[in-house]
């Protein structure tokens, strides 16, 4: 009989994959073409991918969905109302807020690197 080796099992520590997401913004305080790093979002699109007709609303933790940058910003996404709302917040975006919500809803193990490109 051969000897049996008891090796400790290595835990499979998978790193979250990175997903780069780009959107536009209009900020008159910075030059056109400037790229902002997004640290978080406010979803004012009127859409919430977490709520469906087939299941009850549920809580999905949205913390730490974005890579944090020391000079990162928080964007507000008004969706289809972007043209009317773009001058009412400092860092508006169209629908960037929906991407991380969809990712979390479907259990994708990704961390978002969000970027806004200034188009003023």
PDB file of N, CA and C in Angstrom:
ATOM      1  N   UNK A   1       0.826  -1.194   0.000  1.00  0.00           N
ATOM      2  CA  UNK A   1       0.000   0.000   0.000  1.00  0.00           C
ATOM      3  C   UNK A   1       0.860   1.243   0.000  1.00  0.00           C
ATOM      4  N   UNK A   2       0.450   2.187  -0.766  1.00  0.00           N
ATOM      5  CA  UNK A   2       1.178   3.448  -0.831  1.00  0.00           C
ATOM      6  C   UNK A   2       0.845   4.349   0.343  1.00  0.00           C
ATOM      7  N   UNK A   3       1.710   5.292   0.570  1.00  0.00           N
ATOM      8  CA  UNK A   3       1.455   6.234   1.655  1.00  0.00           C
ATOM      9  C   UNK A   3       0.507   7.323   1.178  1.00  0.00           C
ATOM     10  N   UNK A   4      -0.336   7.725   2.059  1.00  0.00           N
ATOM     11  CA  UNK A   4      -1.305   8.772   1.717  1.00  0.00           C
ATOM     12  C   UNK A   4      -0.805  10.095   2.286  1.00  0.00           C
ATOM     13  N   UNK A   5      -0.716  11.079   1.463  1.00  0.00           N
ATOM     14  CA  UNK A   5      -0.256  12.398   1.902  1.00  0.00           C
ATOM     15  C   UNK A   5      -1.458  13.270   2.171  1.00  0.00           C
ATOM     16  N   UNK A   6      -1.485  13.829   3.342  1.00  0.00           N
ATOM     17  CA  UNK A   6      -2.561  14.758   3.702  1.00  0.00           C
ATOM     18  C   UNK A   6      -2.080  16.181   3.499  1.00  0.00           C
ATOM     19  N   UNK A   7      -2.347  16.709   2.347  1.00  0.00           N
ATOM     20  CA  UNK A   7      -1.978  18.082   2.051  1.00  0.00           C
ATOM     21  C   UNK A   7      -3.171  18.977   2.345  1.00  0.00           C
ATOM     22  N   UNK A   8      -2.915  20.116   2.982  1.00  0.00           N
ATOM     23  CA  UNK A   8      -4.042  21.025   3.220  1.00  0.00           C
ATOM     24  C   UNK A   8      -4.572  21.558   1.894  1.00  0.00           C
ATOM     25  N   UNK A   9      -5.882  21.662   1.824  1.00  0.00           N
ATOM     26  CA  UNK A   9      -6.493  22.195   0.612  1.00  0.00           C
ATOM     27  C   UNK A   9      -6.294  23.699   0.568  1.00  0.00           C
ATOM     28  N   UNK A  10      -5.902  24.183  -0.561  1.00  0.00           N
ATOM     29  CA  UNK A  10      -5.766  25.621  -0.739  1.00  0.00           C
ATOM     30  C   UNK A  10      -7.132  26.193  -1.060  1.00  0.00           C
ATOM     31  N   UNK A  11      -7.455  27.256  -0.374  1.00  0.00           N
ATOM     32  CA  UNK A  11      -8.722  27.913  -0.671  1.00  0.00           C
ATOM     33  C   UNK A  11      -8.586  28.652  -1.985  1.00  0.00           C
ATOM     34  N   UNK A  12      -9.591  28.529  -2.801  1.00  0.00           N
ATOM     35  CA  UNK A  12      -9.586  29.190  -4.093  1.00  0.00           C
ATOM     36  C   UNK A  12     -10.044  30.632  -3.899  1.00  0.00           C
ATOM     37  N   UNK A  13      -9.088  31.523  -3.775  1.00  0.00           N
ATOM     38  CA  UNK A  13      -9.416  32.937  -3.589  1.00  0.00           C
ATOM     39  C   UNK A  13      -9.462  33.607  -4.948  1.00  0.00           C
ATOM     40  N   UNK A  14     -10.642  33.646  -5.515  1.00  0.00           N
ATOM     41  CA  UNK A  14     -10.795  34.295  -6.812  1.00  0.00           C
ATOM     42  C   UNK A  14     -10.901  35.797  -6.610  1.00  0.00           C
ATOM     43  N   UNK A  15     -10.178  36.516  -7.394  1.00  0.00           N
ATOM     44  CA  UNK A  15     -10.274  37.961  -7.387  1.00  0.00           C
ATOM     45  C   UNK A  15     -11.477  38.378  -8.224  1.00  0.00           C
ATOM     46  N   UNK A  16     -12.159  39.399  -7.756  1.00  0.00           N
ATOM     47  CA  UNK A  16     -13.263  39.928  -8.556  1.00  0.00           C
ATOM     48  C   UNK A  16     -12.700  40.474  -9.866  1.00  0.00           C
ATOM     49  N   UNK A  17     -13.398  40.240 -10.926  1.00  0.00           N
ATOM     50  CA  UNK A  17     -12.977  40.760 -12.226  1.00  0.00           C
ATOM     51  C   UNK A  17     -13.293  42.249 -12.284  1.00  0.00           C
ATOM     52  N   UNK A  18     -12.575  42.934 -13.124  1.00  0.00           N
ATOM     53  CA  UNK A  18     -12.756  44.366 -13.295  1.00  0.00           C
ATOM     54  C   UNK A  18     -13.581  44.629 -14.547  1.00  0.00           C
ATOM     55  N   UNK A  19     -14.529  45.534 -14.421  1.00  0.00           N
ATOM     56  CA  UNK A  19     -15.338  45.953 -15.554  1.00  0.00           C
ATOM     57  C   UNK A  19     -15.214  47.470 -15.664  1.00  0.00           C
ATOM     58  N   UNK A  20     -14.704  47.943 -16.782  1.00  0.00           N
ATOM     59  CA  UNK A  20     -14.604  49.387 -17.004  1.00  0.00           C
ATOM     60  C   UNK A  20     -15.885  49.872 -17.674  1.00  0.00           C
ATOM     61  N   UNK A  21     -16.457  50.932 -17.085  1.00  0.00           N
ATOM     62  CA  UNK A  21     -17.708  51.491 -17.590  1.00  0.00           C
ATOM     63  C   UNK A  21     -17.507  52.984 -17.809  1.00  0.00           C
ATOM     64  N   UNK A  22     -17.898  53.455 -18.985  1.00  0.00           N
ATOM     65  CA  UNK A  22     -17.731  54.857 -19.354  1.00  0.00           C
ATOM     66  C   UNK A  22     -19.095  55.500 -19.607  1.00  0.00           C
ATOM     67  N   UNK A  23     -19.185  56.775 -19.277  1.00  0.00           N
ATOM     68  CA  UNK A  23     -20.386  57.550 -19.535  1.00  0.00           C
ATOM     69  C   UNK A  23     -19.940  59.001 -19.753  1.00  0.00           C
ATOM     70  N   UNK A  24     -20.882  59.859 -20.062  1.00  0.00           N
ATOM     71  CA  UNK A  24     -20.562  61.275 -20.255  1.00  0.00           C
ATOM     72  C   UNK A  24     -21.017  62.071 -19.047  1.00  0.00           C
ATOM     73  N   UNK A  25     -20.457  63.259 -18.915  1.00  0.00           N
ATOM     74  CA  UNK A  25     -20.896  64.212 -17.914  1.00  0.00           C
ATOM     75  C   UNK A  25     -20.744  65.603 -18.499  1.00  0.00           C
ATOM     76  N   UNK A  26     -21.315  66.568 -17.828  1.00  0.00           N
ATOM     77  CA  UNK A  26     -21.142  67.959 -18.239  1.00  0.00           C
ATOM     78  C   UNK A  26     -20.842  68.760 -16.989  1.00  0.00           C
ATOM     79  N   UNK A  27     -19.571  69.160 -16.869  1.00  0.00           N
ATOM     80  CA  UNK A  27     -19.123  69.932 -15.728  1.00  0.00           C
ATOM     81  C   UNK A  27     -18.383  71.148 -16.262  1.00  0.00           C
ATOM     82  N   UNK A  28     -18.950  72.336 -16.034  1.00  0.00           N
ATOM     83  CA  UNK A  28     -18.387  73.566 -16.587  1.00  0.00           C
ATOM     84  C   UNK A  28     -17.119  74.029 -15.884  1.00  0.00           C
ATOM     85  N   UNK A  29     -16.766  73.393 -14.753  1.00  0.00           N
ATOM     86  CA  UNK A  29     -15.579  73.799 -14.000  1.00  0.00           C
ATOM     87  C   UNK A  29     -14.308  73.120 -14.494  1.00  0.00           C
ATOM     88  N   UNK A  30     -14.444  72.149 -15.373  1.00  0.00           N
ATOM     89  CA  UNK A  30     -13.278  71.417 -15.869  1.00  0.00           C
ATOM     90  C   UNK A  30     -13.282  71.408 -17.394  1.00  0.00           C
ATOM     91  N   UNK A  31     -12.117  71.231 -17.989  1.00  0.00           N
ATOM     92  CA  UNK A  31     -12.048  71.278 -19.457  1.00  0.00           C
ATOM     93  C   UNK A  31     -12.735  70.085 -20.131  1.00  0.00           C
ATOM     94  N   UNK A  32     -13.162  70.310 -21.346  1.00  0.00           N
ATOM     95  CA  UNK A  32     -13.755  69.243 -22.152  1.00  0.00           C
ATOM     96  C   UNK A  32     -12.734  68.116 -22.302  1.00  0.00           C
ATOM     97  N   UNK A  33     -13.205  66.890 -22.223  1.00  0.00           N
ATOM     98  CA  UNK A  33     -12.336  65.731 -22.365  1.00  0.00           C
ATOM     99  C   UNK A  33     -11.760  65.231 -21.054  1.00  0.00           C
ATOM    100  N   UNK A  34     -11.907  66.010 -19.972  1.00  0.00           N
ATOM    101  CA  UNK A  34     -11.405  65.564 -18.671  1.00  0.00           C
ATOM    102  C   UNK A  34     -12.136  64.278 -18.262  1.00  0.00           C
ATOM    103  N   UNK A  35     -11.403  63.347 -17.693  1.00  0.00           N
ATOM    104  CA  UNK A  35     -11.993  62.075 -17.271  1.00  0.00           C
ATOM    105  C   UNK A  35     -12.042  62.040 -15.750  1.00  0.00           C
ATOM    106  N   UNK A  36     -13.248  61.826 -15.214  1.00  0.00           N
ATOM    107  CA  UNK A  36     -13.456  61.703 -13.773  1.00  0.00           C
ATOM    108  C   UNK A  36     -13.552  60.223 -13.399  1.00  0.00           C
ATOM    109  N   UNK A  37     -12.971  59.859 -12.269  1.00  0.00           N
ATOM    110  CA  UNK A  37     -13.155  58.519 -11.713  1.00  0.00           C
ATOM    111  C   UNK A  37     -14.428  58.522 -10.872  1.00  0.00           C
ATOM    112  N   UNK A  38     -15.253  57.508 -11.028  1.00  0.00           N
ATOM    113  CA  UNK A  38     -16.511  57.410 -10.294  1.00  0.00           C
ATOM    114  C   UNK A  38     -16.308  56.517  -9.072  1.00  0.00           C
ATOM    115  N   UNK A  39     -16.652  57.042  -7.886  1.00  0.00           N
ATOM    116  CA  UNK A  39     -16.596  56.265  -6.645  1.00  0.00           C
ATOM    117  C   UNK A  39     -17.953  55.712  -6.250  1.00  0.00           C
ATOM    118  N   UNK A  40     -19.018  56.362  -6.707  1.00  0.00           N
ATOM    119  CA  UNK A  40     -20.370  55.922  -6.344  1.00  0.00           C
ATOM    120  C   UNK A  40     -21.366  56.614  -7.266  1.00  0.00           C
ATOM    121  N   UNK A  41     -22.632  56.206  -7.152  1.00  0.00           N
ATOM    122  CA  UNK A  41     -23.664  56.802  -7.998  1.00  0.00           C
ATOM    123  C   UNK A  41     -24.953  56.995  -7.220  1.00  0.00           C
ATOM    124  N   UNK A  42     -25.784  57.878  -7.740  1.00  0.00           N
ATOM    125  CA  UNK A  42     -27.163  58.049  -7.280  1.00  0.00           C
ATOM    126  C   UNK A  42     -28.024  57.720  -8.492  1.00  0.00           C
ATOM    127  N   UNK A  43     -28.890  56.736  -8.344  1.00  0.00           N
ATOM    128  CA  UNK A  43     -29.729  56.293  -9.456  1.00  0.00           C
ATOM    129  C   UNK A  43     -31.048  57.063  -9.455  1.00  0.00           C
ATOM    130  N   UNK A  44     -31.196  57.980 -10.406  1.00  0.00           N
ATOM    131  CA  UNK A  44     -32.455  58.717 -10.580  1.00  0.00           C
ATOM    132  C   UNK A  44     -33.005  58.477 -11.980  1.00  0.00           C
ATOM    133  N   UNK A  45     -32.710  57.296 -12.530  1.00  0.00           N
ATOM    134  CA  UNK A  45     -33.168  56.972 -13.885  1.00  0.00           C
ATOM    135  C   UNK A  45     -34.644  56.619 -13.921  1.00  0.00           C
ATOM    136  N   UNK A  46     -35.194  56.267 -12.775  1.00  0.00           N
ATOM    137  CA  UNK A  46     -36.576  55.783 -12.751  1.00  0.00           C
ATOM    138  C   UNK A  46     -36.643  54.283 -12.988  1.00  0.00           C
ATOM    139  N   UNK A  47     -35.481  53.648 -13.133  1.00  0.00           N
ATOM    140  CA  UNK A  47     -35.404  52.197 -13.340  1.00  0.00           C
ATOM    141  C   UNK A  47     -34.667  51.575 -12.165  1.00  0.00           C
ATOM    142  N   UNK A  48     -35.128  50.409 -11.744  1.00  0.00           N
ATOM    143  CA  UNK A  48     -34.424  49.679 -10.694  1.00  0.00           C
ATOM    144  C   UNK A  48     -34.380  48.210 -11.081  1.00  0.00           C
ATOM    145  N   UNK A  49     -33.263  47.748 -11.594  1.00  0.00           N
ATOM    146  CA  UNK A  49     -33.143  46.350 -12.018  1.00  0.00           C
ATOM    147  C   UNK A  49     -33.290  45.341 -10.885  1.00  0.00           C
ATOM    148  N   UNK A  50     -33.300  45.805  -9.644  1.00  0.00           N
ATOM    149  CA  UNK A  50     -33.450  44.875  -8.522  1.00  0.00           C
ATOM    150  C   UNK A  50     -34.903  44.466  -8.306  1.00  0.00           C
ATOM    151  N   UNK A  51     -35.827  45.237  -8.853  1.00  0.00           N
ATOM    152  CA  UNK A  51     -37.250  44.931  -8.669  1.00  0.00           C
ATOM    153  C   UNK A  51     -37.800  44.334  -9.958  1.00  0.00           C
ATOM    154  N   UNK A  52     -38.353  43.141  -9.859  1.00  0.00           N
ATOM    155  CA  UNK A  52     -38.975  42.500 -11.017  1.00  0.00           C
ATOM    156  C   UNK A  52     -40.402  42.113 -10.653  1.00  0.00           C
ATOM    157  N   UNK A  53     -41.196  41.775 -11.640  1.00  0.00           N
ATOM    158  CA  UNK A  53     -42.577  41.373 -11.372  1.00  0.00           C
ATOM    159  C   UNK A  53     -42.635  39.935 -10.858  1.00  0.00           C
ATOM    160  N   UNK A  54     -41.576  39.166 -11.076  1.00  0.00           N
ATOM    161  CA  UNK A  54     -41.590  37.755 -10.692  1.00  0.00           C
ATOM    162  C   UNK A  54     -41.182  37.507  -9.250  1.00  0.00           C
ATOM    163  N   UNK A  55     -40.460  38.423  -8.667  1.00  0.00           N
ATOM    164  CA  UNK A  55     -40.050  38.185  -7.288  1.00  0.00           C
ATOM    165  C   UNK A  55     -40.266  39.422  -6.445  1.00  0.00           C
ATOM    166  N   UNK A  56     -40.219  39.226  -5.152  1.00  0.00           N
ATOM    167  CA  UNK A  56     -40.393  40.332  -4.231  1.00  0.00           C
ATOM    168  C   UNK A  56     -39.139  41.195  -4.262  1.00  0.00           C
ATOM    169  N   UNK A  57     -39.292  42.487  -3.989  1.00  0.00           N
ATOM    170  CA  UNK A  57     -38.097  43.315  -3.898  1.00  0.00           C
ATOM    171  C   UNK A  57     -37.146  42.736  -2.856  1.00  0.00           C
ATOM    172  N   UNK A  58     -35.871  42.804  -3.141  1.00  0.00           N
ATOM    173  CA  UNK A  58     -34.897  42.252  -2.209  1.00  0.00           C
ATOM    174  C   UNK A  58     -33.759  43.240  -2.048  1.00  0.00           C
ATOM    175  N   UNK A  59     -33.052  43.091  -0.950  1.00  0.00           N
ATOM    176  CA  UNK A  59     -31.918  43.961  -0.703  1.00  0.00           C
ATOM    177  C   UNK A  59     -30.659  43.304  -1.238  1.00  0.00           C
ATOM    178  N   UNK A  60     -29.958  44.017  -2.071  1.00  0.00           N
ATOM    179  CA  UNK A  60     -28.666  43.554  -2.565  1.00  0.00           C
ATOM    180  C   UNK A  60     -27.657  44.619  -2.183  1.00  0.00           C
ATOM    181  N   UNK A  61     -26.633  44.195  -1.507  1.00  0.00           N
ATOM    182  CA  UNK A  61     -25.607  45.109  -1.021  1.00  0.00           C
ATOM    183  C   UNK A  61     -24.856  45.734  -2.191  1.00  0.00           C
ATOM    184  N   UNK A  62     -24.905  47.039  -2.287  1.00  0.00           N
ATOM    185  CA  UNK A  62     -24.228  47.752  -3.364  1.00  0.00           C
ATOM    186  C   UNK A  62     -22.939  48.421  -2.885  1.00  0.00           C
ATOM    187  N   UNK A  63     -22.554  48.150  -1.637  1.00  0.00           N
ATOM    188  CA  UNK A  63     -21.317  48.766  -1.148  1.00  0.00           C
ATOM    189  C   UNK A  63     -20.113  48.148  -1.857  1.00  0.00           C
ATOM    190  N   UNK A  64     -19.105  48.946  -1.989  1.00  0.00           N
ATOM    191  CA  UNK A  64     -17.839  48.531  -2.612  1.00  0.00           C
ATOM    192  C   UNK A  64     -17.997  47.997  -4.031  1.00  0.00           C
ATOM    193  N   UNK A  65     -18.964  48.492  -4.764  1.00  0.00           N
ATOM    194  CA  UNK A  65     -19.147  48.049  -6.146  1.00  0.00           C
ATOM    195  C   UNK A  65     -18.156  48.756  -7.076  1.00  0.00           C
ATOM    196  N   UNK A  66     -17.724  49.954  -6.693  1.00  0.00           N
ATOM    197  CA  UNK A  66     -16.754  50.710  -7.486  1.00  0.00           C
ATOM    198  C   UNK A  66     -15.376  50.665  -6.836  1.00  0.00           C
ATOM    199  N   UNK A  67     -14.331  50.697  -7.665  1.00  0.00           N
ATOM    200  CA  UNK A  67     -12.992  50.969  -7.155  1.00  0.00           C
ATOM    201  C   UNK A  67     -13.028  52.391  -6.623  1.00  0.00           C
ATOM    202  N   UNK A  68     -12.444  52.621  -5.487  1.00  0.00           N
ATOM    203  CA  UNK A  68     -12.423  53.968  -4.898  1.00  0.00           C
ATOM    204  C   UNK A  68     -11.128  54.674  -5.272  1.00  0.00           C
ATOM    205  N   UNK A  69     -11.275  55.929  -5.680  1.00  0.00           N
ATOM    206  CA  UNK A  69     -10.132  56.764  -6.046  1.00  0.00           C
ATOM    207  C   UNK A  69     -10.107  57.965  -5.108  1.00  0.00           C
ATOM    208  N   UNK A  70      -8.914  58.416  -4.757  1.00  0.00           N
ATOM    209  CA  UNK A  70      -8.813  59.544  -3.828  1.00  0.00           C
ATOM    210  C   UNK A  70      -9.504  60.788  -4.369  1.00  0.00           C
ATOM    211  N   UNK A  71      -9.520  60.950  -5.676  1.00  0.00           N
ATOM    212  CA  UNK A  71     -10.183  62.103  -6.275  1.00  0.00           C
ATOM    213  C   UNK A  71     -11.459  61.702  -7.006  1.00  0.00           C
ATOM    214  N   UNK A  72     -12.016  60.555  -6.637  1.00  0.00           N
ATOM    215  CA  UNK A  72     -13.235  60.078  -7.283  1.00  0.00           C
ATOM    216  C   UNK A  72     -14.449  60.909  -6.913  1.00  0.00           C
ATOM    217  N   UNK A  73     -15.464  60.820  -7.735  1.00  0.00           N
ATOM    218  CA  UNK A  73     -16.679  61.624  -7.555  1.00  0.00           C
ATOM    219  C   UNK A  73     -17.900  60.709  -7.405  1.00  0.00           C
ATOM    220  N   UNK A  74     -18.996  61.310  -7.003  1.00  0.00           N
ATOM    221  CA  UNK A  74     -20.290  60.624  -6.966  1.00  0.00           C
ATOM    222  C   UNK A  74     -21.126  61.236  -8.079  1.00  0.00           C
ATOM    223  N   UNK A  75     -21.629  60.397  -8.969  1.00  0.00           N
ATOM    224  CA  UNK A  75     -22.415  60.870 -10.094  1.00  0.00           C
ATOM    225  C   UNK A  75     -23.898  60.634  -9.849  1.00  0.00           C
ATOM    226  N   UNK A  76     -24.726  61.465 -10.454  1.00  0.00           N
ATOM    227  CA  UNK A  76     -26.180  61.285 -10.435  1.00  0.00           C
ATOM    228  C   UNK A  76     -26.622  60.954 -11.844  1.00  0.00           C
ATOM    229  N   UNK A  77     -27.330  59.834 -11.991  1.00  0.00           N
ATOM    230  CA  UNK A  77     -27.791  59.371 -13.305  1.00  0.00           C
ATOM    231  C   UNK A  77     -29.288  59.617 -13.464  1.00  0.00           C
ATOM    232  N   UNK A  78     -29.686  60.642 -14.236  1.00  0.00           N
ATOM    233  CA  UNK A  78     -31.111  60.885 -14.460  1.00  0.00           C
ATOM    234  C   UNK A  78     -31.693  60.135 -15.659  1.00  0.00           C
ATOM    235  N   UNK A  79     -30.894  59.294 -16.313  1.00  0.00           N
ATOM    236  CA  UNK A  79     -31.404  58.490 -17.421  1.00  0.00           C
ATOM    237  C   UNK A  79     -31.880  59.325 -18.588  1.00  0.00           C
ATOM    238  N   UNK A  80     -33.110  59.060 -19.040  1.00  0.00           N
ATOM    239  CA  UNK A  80     -33.631  59.744 -20.227  1.00  0.00           C
ATOM    240  C   UNK A  80     -33.862  61.240 -19.998  1.00  0.00           C
ATOM    241  N   UNK A  81     -33.779  61.679 -18.749  1.00  0.00           N
ATOM    242  CA  UNK A  81     -33.955  63.106 -18.434  1.00  0.00           C
ATOM    243  C   UNK A  81     -32.616  63.839 -18.341  1.00  0.00           C
ATOM    244  N   UNK A  82     -31.566  63.219 -18.863  1.00  0.00           N
ATOM    245  CA  UNK A  82     -30.221  63.807 -18.769  1.00  0.00           C
ATOM    246  C   UNK A  82     -30.185  65.233 -19.306  1.00  0.00           C
ATOM    247  N   UNK A  83     -30.727  65.468 -20.487  1.00  0.00           N
ATOM    248  CA  UNK A  83     -30.655  66.813 -21.085  1.00  0.00           C
ATOM    249  C   UNK A  83     -31.329  67.872 -20.217  1.00  0.00           C
ATOM    250  N   UNK A  84     -32.421  67.519 -19.554  1.00  0.00           N
ATOM    251  CA  UNK A  84     -33.123  68.479 -18.692  1.00  0.00           C
ATOM    252  C   UNK A  84     -32.439  68.637 -17.340  1.00  0.00           C
ATOM    253  N   UNK A  85     -31.783  67.588 -16.859  1.00  0.00           N
ATOM    254  CA  UNK A  85     -31.227  67.573 -15.507  1.00  0.00           C
ATOM    255  C   UNK A  85     -29.719  67.844 -15.428  1.00  0.00           C
ATOM    256  N   UNK A  86     -29.029  67.865 -16.550  1.00  0.00           N
ATOM    257  CA  UNK A  86     -27.555  67.909 -16.534  1.00  0.00           C
ATOM    258  C   UNK A  86     -26.975  69.139 -15.844  1.00  0.00           C
ATOM    259  N   UNK A  87     -27.714  70.220 -15.756  1.00  0.00           N
ATOM    260  CA  UNK A  87     -27.209  71.425 -15.100  1.00  0.00           C
ATOM    261  C   UNK A  87     -27.632  71.515 -13.635  1.00  0.00           C
ATOM    262  N   UNK A  88     -28.295  70.488 -13.126  1.00  0.00           N
ATOM    263  CA  UNK A  88     -28.796  70.528 -11.751  1.00  0.00           C
ATOM    264  C   UNK A  88     -27.924  69.762 -10.760  1.00  0.00           C
ATOM    265  N   UNK A  89     -26.947  69.022 -11.255  1.00  0.00           N
ATOM    266  CA  UNK A  89     -26.013  68.333 -10.371  1.00  0.00           C
ATOM    267  C   UNK A  89     -24.598  68.575 -10.877  1.00  0.00           C
ATOM    268  N   UNK A  90     -23.618  68.423  -9.988  1.00  0.00           N
ATOM    269  CA  UNK A  90     -22.240  68.723 -10.361  1.00  0.00           C
ATOM    270  C   UNK A  90     -21.658  67.705 -11.337  1.00  0.00           C
ATOM    271  N   UNK A  91     -22.023  66.420 -11.171  1.00  0.00           N
ATOM    272  CA  UNK A  91     -21.493  65.365 -12.032  1.00  0.00           C
ATOM    273  C   UNK A  91     -22.623  64.479 -12.556  1.00  0.00           C
ATOM    274  N   UNK A  92     -23.407  64.993 -13.505  1.00  0.00           N
ATOM    275  CA  UNK A  92     -24.485  64.158 -14.055  1.00  0.00           C
ATOM    276  C   UNK A  92     -23.914  63.093 -14.991  1.00  0.00           C
ATOM    277  N   UNK A  93     -24.646  62.014 -15.137  1.00  0.00           N
ATOM    278  CA  UNK A  93     -24.298  60.961 -16.104  1.00  0.00           C
ATOM    279  C   UNK A  93     -25.605  60.439 -16.667  1.00  0.00           C
ATOM    280  N   UNK A  94     -25.542  59.704 -17.753  1.00  0.00           N
ATOM    281  CA  UNK A  94     -26.800  59.240 -18.348  1.00  0.00           C
ATOM    282  C   UNK A  94     -27.352  58.051 -17.552  1.00  0.00           C
ATOM    283  N   UNK A  95     -26.769  56.875 -17.728  1.00  0.00           N
ATOM    284  CA  UNK A  95     -27.300  55.677 -17.060  1.00  0.00           C
ATOM    285  C   UNK A  95     -26.211  54.773 -16.489  1.00  0.00           C
ATOM    286  N   UNK A  96     -25.050  55.334 -16.149  1.00  0.00           N
ATOM    287  CA  UNK A  96     -23.963  54.522 -15.601  1.00  0.00           C
ATOM    288  C   UNK A  96     -24.399  53.789 -14.327  1.00  0.00           C
ATOM    289  N   UNK A  97     -25.329  54.379 -13.587  1.00  0.00           N
ATOM    290  CA  UNK A  97     -25.778  53.773 -12.324  1.00  0.00           C
ATOM    291  C   UNK A  97     -26.410  52.395 -12.520  1.00  0.00           C
ATOM    292  N   UNK A  98     -26.976  52.149 -13.684  1.00  0.00           N
ATOM    293  CA  UNK A  98     -27.665  50.875 -13.899  1.00  0.00           C
ATOM    294  C   UNK A  98     -26.711  49.697 -14.087  1.00  0.00           C
ATOM    295  N   UNK A  99     -25.515  49.939 -14.589  1.00  0.00           N
ATOM    296  CA  UNK A  99     -24.581  48.847 -14.877  1.00  0.00           C
ATOM    297  C   UNK A  99     -24.191  48.081 -13.614  1.00  0.00           C
ATOM    298  N   UNK A 100     -23.716  48.747 -12.549  1.00  0.00           N
ATOM    299  CA  UNK A 100     -23.361  47.979 -11.352  1.00  0.00           C
ATOM    300  C   UNK A 100     -24.563  47.302 -10.701  1.00  0.00           C
ATOM    301  N   UNK A 101     -25.739  47.920 -10.821  1.00  0.00           N
ATOM    302  CA  UNK A 101     -26.938  47.299 -10.240  1.00  0.00           C
ATOM    303  C   UNK A 101     -27.248  46.000 -10.975  1.00  0.00           C
ATOM    304  N   UNK A 102     -27.188  46.015 -12.300  1.00  0.00           N
ATOM    305  CA  UNK A 102     -27.408  44.789 -13.083  1.00  0.00           C
ATOM    306  C   UNK A 102     -26.376  43.728 -12.710  1.00  0.00           C
ATOM    307  N   UNK A 103     -25.128  44.138 -12.599  1.00  0.00           N
ATOM    308  CA  UNK A 103     -24.067  43.173 -12.262  1.00  0.00           C
ATOM    309  C   UNK A 103     -24.350  42.493 -10.928  1.00  0.00           C
ATOM    310  N   UNK A 104     -24.718  43.264  -9.920  1.00  0.00           N
ATOM    311  CA  UNK A 104     -25.003  42.683  -8.606  1.00  0.00           C
ATOM    312  C   UNK A 104     -26.269  41.825  -8.637  1.00  0.00           C
ATOM    313  N   UNK A 105     -27.261  42.274  -9.376  1.00  0.00           N
ATOM    314  CA  UNK A 105     -28.511  41.506  -9.439  1.00  0.00           C
ATOM    315  C   UNK A 105     -28.274  40.098  -9.976  1.00  0.00           C
ATOM    316  N   UNK A 106     -27.435  39.985 -10.988  1.00  0.00           N
ATOM    317  CA  UNK A 106     -27.197  38.684 -11.602  1.00  0.00           C
ATOM    318  C   UNK A 106     -25.984  37.964 -11.022  1.00  0.00           C
ATOM    319  N   UNK A 107     -25.476  38.464  -9.899  1.00  0.00           N
ATOM    320  CA  UNK A 107     -24.425  37.773  -9.177  1.00  0.00           C
ATOM    321  C   UNK A 107     -23.067  37.787  -9.851  1.00  0.00           C
ATOM    322  N   UNK A 108     -22.825  38.748 -10.728  1.00  0.00           N
ATOM    323  CA  UNK A 108     -21.523  38.831 -11.375  1.00  0.00           C
ATOM    324  C   UNK A 108     -20.488  39.351 -10.386  1.00  0.00           C
ATOM    325  N   UNK A 109     -19.400  38.641 -10.256  1.00  0.00           N
ATOM    326  CA  UNK A 109     -18.351  39.015  -9.323  1.00  0.00           C
ATOM    327  C   UNK A 109     -17.406  39.994 -10.006  1.00  0.00           C
ATOM    328  N   UNK A 110     -17.857  41.243 -10.110  1.00  0.00           N
ATOM    329  CA  UNK A 110     -17.049  42.272 -10.772  1.00  0.00           C
ATOM    330  C   UNK A 110     -16.966  43.489  -9.868  1.00  0.00           C
ATOM    331  N   UNK A 111     -15.895  44.209 -10.025  1.00  0.00           N
ATOM    332  CA  UNK A 111     -15.769  45.514  -9.394  1.00  0.00           C
ATOM    333  C   UNK A 111     -15.661  46.528 -10.528  1.00  0.00           C
ATOM    334  N   UNK A 112     -16.418  47.589 -10.410  1.00  0.00           N
ATOM    335  CA  UNK A 112     -16.543  48.561 -11.489  1.00  0.00           C
ATOM    336  C   UNK A 112     -15.458  49.628 -11.383  1.00  0.00           C
ATOM    337  N   UNK A 113     -14.795  49.877 -12.500  1.00  0.00           N
ATOM    338  CA  UNK A 113     -13.967  51.069 -12.643  1.00  0.00           C
ATOM    339  C   UNK A 113     -14.791  52.007 -13.506  1.00  0.00           C
ATOM    340  N   UNK A 114     -15.430  52.989 -12.866  1.00  0.00           N
ATOM    341  CA  UNK A 114     -16.308  53.908 -13.569  1.00  0.00           C
ATOM    342  C   UNK A 114     -15.592  55.177 -13.959  1.00  0.00           C
ATOM    343  N   UNK A 115     -15.900  55.642 -15.169  1.00  0.00           N
ATOM    344  CA  UNK A 115     -15.280  56.863 -15.683  1.00  0.00           C
ATOM    345  C   UNK A 115     -16.343  57.728 -16.351  1.00  0.00           C
ATOM    346  N   UNK A 116     -16.265  59.029 -16.095  1.00  0.00           N
ATOM    347  CA  UNK A 116     -17.111  60.001 -16.776  1.00  0.00           C
ATOM    348  C   UNK A 116     -16.220  60.895 -17.626  1.00  0.00           C
ATOM    349  N   UNK A 117     -16.601  61.087 -18.876  1.00  0.00           N
ATOM    350  CA  UNK A 117     -15.852  61.955 -19.776  1.00  0.00           C
ATOM    351  C   UNK A 117     -16.621  63.269 -19.933  1.00  0.00           C
ATOM    352  N   UNK A 118     -15.943  64.357 -19.617  1.00  0.00           N
ATOM    353  CA  UNK A 118     -16.577  65.661 -19.669  1.00  0.00           C
ATOM    354  C   UNK A 118     -16.774  66.112 -21.109  1.00  0.00           C
ATOM    355  N   UNK A 119     -18.013  66.429 -21.456  1.00  0.00           N
ATOM    356  CA  UNK A 119     -18.335  66.824 -22.833  1.00  0.00           C
ATOM    357  C   UNK A 119     -18.871  68.257 -22.902  1.00  0.00           C
ATOM    358  N   UNK A 120     -18.571  69.098 -21.889  1.00  0.00           N
ATOM    359  CA  UNK A 120     -19.126  70.458 -21.884  1.00  0.00           C
ATOM    360  C   UNK A 120     -18.653  71.272 -23.052  1.00  0.00           C
TER     361      UNK A 120
END
